């Protein structure tokens, strides 16, 4: 996988990415493949040094289809499926089945 360099654009200019098929996203030669490719791209962009405050615009060919206010915000989410229905979720979920002790009087 090629490494992308963070451009020196001001924070206000959006990162422009291309959505390819339903599971691929590409920006500046950096490619991710995921069931939620734009959100995965947000995480990848932060890994390679992009400012988390920069917005992101995702296109399918020439059509803007998704705008994220900041890549830091988009990096916090993923998509999970429940009975075939996609649901937006935070990446961290508390473990299920963990009980806590009752409060001490």
N, C-alpha and C. Protein backbone atom coordinates (compact mmCIF):
# COMPACT_ATOMS: atom_id res chain seq x y z
N UNK A 1 0.85 -1.17 0.00
CA UNK A 1 0.00 0.00 0.00
C UNK A 1 0.90 1.23 0.00
N UNK A 2 0.62 2.17 -0.86
CA UNK A 2 1.44 3.37 -0.94
C UNK A 2 1.09 4.32 0.19
N UNK A 3 2.08 5.10 0.60
CA UNK A 3 1.86 6.06 1.68
C UNK A 3 1.52 7.41 1.09
N UNK A 4 0.51 8.03 1.63
CA UNK A 4 0.11 9.36 1.19
C UNK A 4 0.76 10.39 2.10
N UNK A 5 1.12 11.49 1.55
CA UNK A 5 1.65 12.59 2.35
C UNK A 5 0.55 13.61 2.54
N UNK A 6 0.46 14.11 3.75
CA UNK A 6 -0.55 15.12 4.04
C UNK A 6 -0.21 16.39 3.28
N UNK A 7 -1.13 16.90 2.45
CA UNK A 7 -0.87 18.14 1.75
C UNK A 7 -0.79 19.31 2.72
N UNK A 8 -0.22 20.39 2.27
CA UNK A 8 -0.04 21.55 3.12
C UNK A 8 -1.20 22.53 3.01
N UNK A 9 -2.37 22.06 2.57
CA UNK A 9 -3.54 22.92 2.47
C UNK A 9 -3.94 23.42 3.85
N UNK A 10 -4.61 24.56 3.91
CA UNK A 10 -5.11 25.00 5.20
C UNK A 10 -6.17 24.04 5.73
N UNK A 11 -6.40 24.09 7.02
CA UNK A 11 -7.34 23.19 7.68
C UNK A 11 -8.73 23.29 7.08
N UNK A 12 -9.09 24.43 6.56
CA UNK A 12 -10.45 24.62 6.05
C UNK A 12 -10.71 23.91 4.73
N UNK A 13 -9.68 23.58 3.97
CA UNK A 13 -9.92 22.92 2.69
C UNK A 13 -10.17 21.43 2.92
N UNK A 14 -11.22 20.89 2.32
CA UNK A 14 -11.56 19.48 2.56
C UNK A 14 -10.62 18.52 1.84
N UNK A 15 -10.46 17.36 2.44
CA UNK A 15 -9.79 16.24 1.78
C UNK A 15 -10.83 15.68 0.82
N UNK A 16 -10.45 15.48 -0.44
CA UNK A 16 -11.36 14.97 -1.46
C UNK A 16 -11.02 13.51 -1.72
N UNK A 17 -11.99 12.62 -1.53
CA UNK A 17 -11.74 11.21 -1.79
C UNK A 17 -12.76 10.68 -2.79
N UNK A 18 -12.40 9.58 -3.41
CA UNK A 18 -13.26 8.91 -4.39
C UNK A 18 -13.72 7.57 -3.80
N UNK A 19 -15.02 7.33 -3.87
CA UNK A 19 -15.57 6.04 -3.47
C UNK A 19 -15.63 5.17 -4.72
N UNK A 20 -15.06 3.98 -4.62
CA UNK A 20 -15.02 3.06 -5.74
C UNK A 20 -15.74 1.79 -5.31
N UNK A 21 -16.75 1.41 -6.09
CA UNK A 21 -17.62 0.29 -5.72
C UNK A 21 -18.26 0.59 -4.38
N UNK A 22 -18.54 -0.42 -3.59
CA UNK A 22 -19.18 -0.17 -2.30
C UNK A 22 -18.22 -0.32 -1.13
N UNK A 23 -16.98 -0.76 -1.41
CA UNK A 23 -16.09 -1.06 -0.31
C UNK A 23 -14.68 -0.48 -0.44
N UNK A 24 -14.48 0.47 -1.34
CA UNK A 24 -13.15 1.02 -1.54
C UNK A 24 -13.19 2.53 -1.58
N UNK A 25 -12.17 3.15 -1.01
CA UNK A 25 -12.06 4.60 -1.00
C UNK A 25 -10.60 4.95 -1.29
N UNK A 26 -10.42 6.02 -2.08
CA UNK A 26 -9.07 6.40 -2.49
C UNK A 26 -8.90 7.91 -2.38
N UNK A 27 -7.71 8.31 -1.88
CA UNK A 27 -7.36 9.72 -1.81
C UNK A 27 -5.83 9.84 -1.88
N UNK A 28 -5.35 10.67 -2.78
CA UNK A 28 -3.91 10.93 -2.95
C UNK A 28 -3.08 9.64 -3.01
N UNK A 29 -3.59 8.61 -3.68
CA UNK A 29 -2.85 7.35 -3.82
C UNK A 29 -3.01 6.40 -2.65
N UNK A 30 -3.67 6.83 -1.61
CA UNK A 30 -3.92 5.99 -0.44
C UNK A 30 -5.26 5.29 -0.65
N UNK A 31 -5.29 3.96 -0.49
CA UNK A 31 -6.51 3.19 -0.75
C UNK A 31 -6.86 2.37 0.49
N UNK A 32 -8.14 2.37 0.85
CA UNK A 32 -8.63 1.48 1.91
C UNK A 32 -9.78 0.66 1.37
N UNK A 33 -9.89 -0.56 1.88
CA UNK A 33 -11.00 -1.44 1.51
C UNK A 33 -11.67 -1.84 2.82
N UNK A 34 -12.97 -1.54 2.93
CA UNK A 34 -13.70 -1.74 4.18
C UNK A 34 -15.19 -1.70 3.87
N UNK A 35 -16.01 -2.25 4.78
CA UNK A 35 -17.45 -2.18 4.55
C UNK A 35 -17.99 -0.76 4.74
N UNK A 36 -17.23 0.10 5.42
CA UNK A 36 -17.55 1.53 5.55
C UNK A 36 -16.30 2.29 5.12
N UNK A 37 -16.03 2.36 3.81
CA UNK A 37 -14.73 2.83 3.34
C UNK A 37 -14.40 4.28 3.69
N UNK A 38 -15.37 5.16 3.70
CA UNK A 38 -15.07 6.57 3.99
C UNK A 38 -14.67 6.74 5.46
N UNK A 39 -15.35 6.04 6.35
CA UNK A 39 -15.01 6.12 7.76
C UNK A 39 -13.64 5.48 8.03
N UNK A 40 -13.35 4.38 7.35
CA UNK A 40 -12.04 3.75 7.46
C UNK A 40 -10.96 4.67 6.91
N UNK A 41 -11.28 5.40 5.84
CA UNK A 41 -10.32 6.35 5.28
C UNK A 41 -10.02 7.46 6.27
N UNK A 42 -11.01 7.90 7.00
CA UNK A 42 -10.78 8.93 8.03
C UNK A 42 -9.73 8.44 9.03
N UNK A 43 -9.86 7.20 9.49
CA UNK A 43 -8.88 6.65 10.43
C UNK A 43 -7.50 6.56 9.80
N UNK A 44 -7.45 6.13 8.55
CA UNK A 44 -6.16 5.99 7.86
C UNK A 44 -5.49 7.34 7.66
N UNK A 45 -6.27 8.35 7.31
CA UNK A 45 -5.71 9.69 7.10
C UNK A 45 -5.08 10.23 8.38
N UNK A 46 -5.71 9.97 9.50
CA UNK A 46 -5.13 10.40 10.78
C UNK A 46 -3.84 9.64 11.06
N UNK A 47 -3.82 8.35 10.75
CA UNK A 47 -2.60 7.53 10.93
C UNK A 47 -1.41 8.08 10.16
N UNK A 48 -1.65 8.61 8.95
CA UNK A 48 -0.54 9.10 8.13
C UNK A 48 -0.25 10.59 8.36
N UNK A 49 -0.95 11.21 9.31
CA UNK A 49 -0.57 12.55 9.71
C UNK A 49 -1.47 13.70 9.29
N UNK A 50 -2.64 13.41 8.78
CA UNK A 50 -3.56 14.50 8.44
C UNK A 50 -4.12 15.14 9.70
N UNK A 51 -4.43 16.40 9.62
CA UNK A 51 -5.04 17.13 10.72
C UNK A 51 -6.46 16.60 10.94
N UNK A 52 -6.80 16.11 12.13
CA UNK A 52 -8.13 15.57 12.38
C UNK A 52 -9.26 16.60 12.23
N UNK A 53 -8.93 17.88 12.22
CA UNK A 53 -9.96 18.92 12.08
C UNK A 53 -10.35 19.19 10.63
N UNK A 54 -9.61 18.63 9.68
CA UNK A 54 -9.95 18.87 8.27
C UNK A 54 -11.23 18.16 7.88
N UNK A 55 -12.07 18.84 7.11
CA UNK A 55 -13.28 18.17 6.60
C UNK A 55 -12.93 17.19 5.49
N UNK A 56 -13.88 16.33 5.14
CA UNK A 56 -13.68 15.37 4.07
C UNK A 56 -14.92 15.36 3.19
N UNK A 57 -14.70 15.31 1.89
CA UNK A 57 -15.78 15.18 0.92
C UNK A 57 -15.54 13.92 0.11
N UNK A 58 -16.56 13.08 0.03
CA UNK A 58 -16.45 11.82 -0.71
C UNK A 58 -17.31 11.91 -1.97
N UNK A 59 -16.72 11.51 -3.08
CA UNK A 59 -17.39 11.57 -4.38
C UNK A 59 -17.49 10.18 -4.99
N UNK A 60 -18.54 9.97 -5.74
CA UNK A 60 -18.64 8.85 -6.68
C UNK A 60 -18.59 9.50 -8.05
N UNK A 61 -17.48 9.30 -8.71
CA UNK A 61 -17.18 10.02 -9.96
C UNK A 61 -17.23 11.51 -9.68
N UNK A 62 -18.15 12.26 -10.29
CA UNK A 62 -18.19 13.71 -10.08
C UNK A 62 -19.27 14.13 -9.08
N UNK A 63 -19.97 13.18 -8.48
CA UNK A 63 -21.10 13.50 -7.62
C UNK A 63 -20.69 13.44 -6.14
N UNK A 64 -20.86 14.56 -5.44
CA UNK A 64 -20.62 14.60 -4.01
C UNK A 64 -21.69 13.77 -3.32
N UNK A 65 -21.28 12.74 -2.56
CA UNK A 65 -22.28 11.88 -1.93
C UNK A 65 -22.18 11.87 -0.41
N UNK A 66 -21.08 12.38 0.14
CA UNK A 66 -20.94 12.40 1.59
C UNK A 66 -19.99 13.51 1.98
N UNK A 67 -20.37 14.26 2.98
CA UNK A 67 -19.50 15.31 3.52
C UNK A 67 -19.40 15.08 5.02
N UNK A 68 -18.17 15.00 5.52
CA UNK A 68 -17.92 14.79 6.94
C UNK A 68 -17.26 16.05 7.49
N UNK A 69 -17.77 16.55 8.60
CA UNK A 69 -17.30 17.83 9.15
C UNK A 69 -15.83 17.81 9.50
N UNK A 70 -15.30 16.69 9.98
CA UNK A 70 -13.87 16.56 10.25
C UNK A 70 -13.49 15.08 10.18
N UNK A 71 -12.27 14.81 9.74
CA UNK A 71 -11.87 13.41 9.64
C UNK A 71 -11.73 12.80 11.04
N UNK A 72 -11.46 13.62 12.05
CA UNK A 72 -11.42 13.13 13.42
C UNK A 72 -12.78 12.63 13.87
N UNK A 73 -13.83 13.33 13.49
CA UNK A 73 -15.19 12.93 13.83
C UNK A 73 -15.55 11.63 13.09
N UNK A 74 -15.26 11.57 11.80
CA UNK A 74 -15.56 10.37 11.02
C UNK A 74 -14.79 9.15 11.50
N UNK A 75 -13.59 9.37 12.03
CA UNK A 75 -12.75 8.26 12.49
C UNK A 75 -13.32 7.56 13.72
N UNK A 76 -14.23 8.21 14.42
CA UNK A 76 -14.81 7.63 15.63
C UNK A 76 -15.91 6.61 15.35
N UNK A 77 -16.33 6.50 14.10
CA UNK A 77 -17.50 5.67 13.78
C UNK A 77 -17.16 4.54 12.82
N UNK A 78 -18.02 3.56 12.81
CA UNK A 78 -17.99 2.47 11.84
C UNK A 78 -19.42 2.05 11.57
N UNK A 79 -19.61 1.14 10.65
CA UNK A 79 -20.94 0.64 10.35
C UNK A 79 -20.98 -0.85 10.68
N UNK A 80 -21.98 -1.23 11.44
CA UNK A 80 -22.18 -2.64 11.76
C UNK A 80 -23.54 -3.03 11.22
N UNK A 81 -23.71 -4.29 10.94
CA UNK A 81 -25.00 -4.76 10.43
C UNK A 81 -25.72 -5.56 11.50
N UNK A 82 -27.01 -5.30 11.62
CA UNK A 82 -27.86 -6.08 12.52
C UNK A 82 -29.03 -6.57 11.68
N UNK A 83 -29.06 -7.84 11.44
CA UNK A 83 -30.09 -8.47 10.61
C UNK A 83 -30.18 -7.81 9.24
N UNK A 84 -29.01 -7.52 8.64
CA UNK A 84 -28.95 -6.96 7.30
C UNK A 84 -29.16 -5.46 7.22
N UNK A 85 -29.41 -4.80 8.35
CA UNK A 85 -29.62 -3.36 8.37
C UNK A 85 -28.35 -2.67 8.84
N UNK A 86 -27.76 -1.77 8.04
CA UNK A 86 -26.55 -1.07 8.49
C UNK A 86 -26.87 -0.05 9.58
N UNK A 87 -26.04 -0.05 10.62
CA UNK A 87 -26.22 0.86 11.74
C UNK A 87 -24.90 1.55 12.03
N UNK A 88 -24.93 2.88 12.14
CA UNK A 88 -23.75 3.66 12.47
C UNK A 88 -23.46 3.49 13.95
N UNK A 89 -22.23 3.11 14.30
CA UNK A 89 -21.84 2.86 15.69
C UNK A 89 -20.51 3.54 16.00
N UNK A 90 -20.34 3.90 17.25
CA UNK A 90 -19.03 4.35 17.71
C UNK A 90 -18.10 3.15 17.69
N UNK A 91 -16.81 3.39 17.47
CA UNK A 91 -15.86 2.29 17.41
C UNK A 91 -15.75 1.55 18.74
N UNK A 92 -15.71 2.29 19.84
CA UNK A 92 -15.59 1.62 21.13
C UNK A 92 -16.97 1.28 21.66
N UNK A 93 -17.17 0.03 21.99
CA UNK A 93 -18.40 -0.40 22.63
C UNK A 93 -18.02 -1.14 23.90
N UNK A 94 -18.69 -0.84 24.99
CA UNK A 94 -18.42 -1.52 26.25
C UNK A 94 -18.69 -3.01 26.10
N UNK A 95 -17.88 -3.83 26.69
CA UNK A 95 -18.09 -5.27 26.59
C UNK A 95 -19.46 -5.66 27.13
N UNK A 96 -20.12 -6.59 26.46
CA UNK A 96 -21.42 -7.06 26.94
C UNK A 96 -21.22 -8.16 27.95
N UNK A 97 -22.16 -8.28 28.84
CA UNK A 97 -22.08 -9.36 29.84
C UNK A 97 -21.17 -9.04 31.01
N UNK A 98 -20.66 -7.83 31.10
CA UNK A 98 -19.79 -7.45 32.22
C UNK A 98 -20.67 -6.80 33.26
N UNK A 99 -20.65 -7.37 34.44
CA UNK A 99 -21.47 -6.80 35.50
C UNK A 99 -20.59 -6.04 36.47
N UNK A 100 -21.18 -5.09 37.15
CA UNK A 100 -20.44 -4.32 38.15
C UNK A 100 -20.96 -4.70 39.54
N UNK A 101 -20.15 -4.50 40.49
CA UNK A 101 -20.55 -4.80 41.87
C UNK A 101 -21.57 -3.78 42.34
N UNK A 102 -22.40 -4.20 43.29
CA UNK A 102 -23.37 -3.28 43.84
C UNK A 102 -22.65 -2.24 44.70
N UNK A 103 -23.22 -1.04 44.81
CA UNK A 103 -22.56 0.00 45.59
C UNK A 103 -22.47 -0.39 47.07
N UNK A 104 -21.42 0.07 47.71
CA UNK A 104 -21.24 -0.20 49.13
C UNK A 104 -22.03 0.84 49.92
N UNK A 105 -22.78 0.39 50.88
CA UNK A 105 -23.62 1.30 51.67
C UNK A 105 -22.80 2.16 52.61
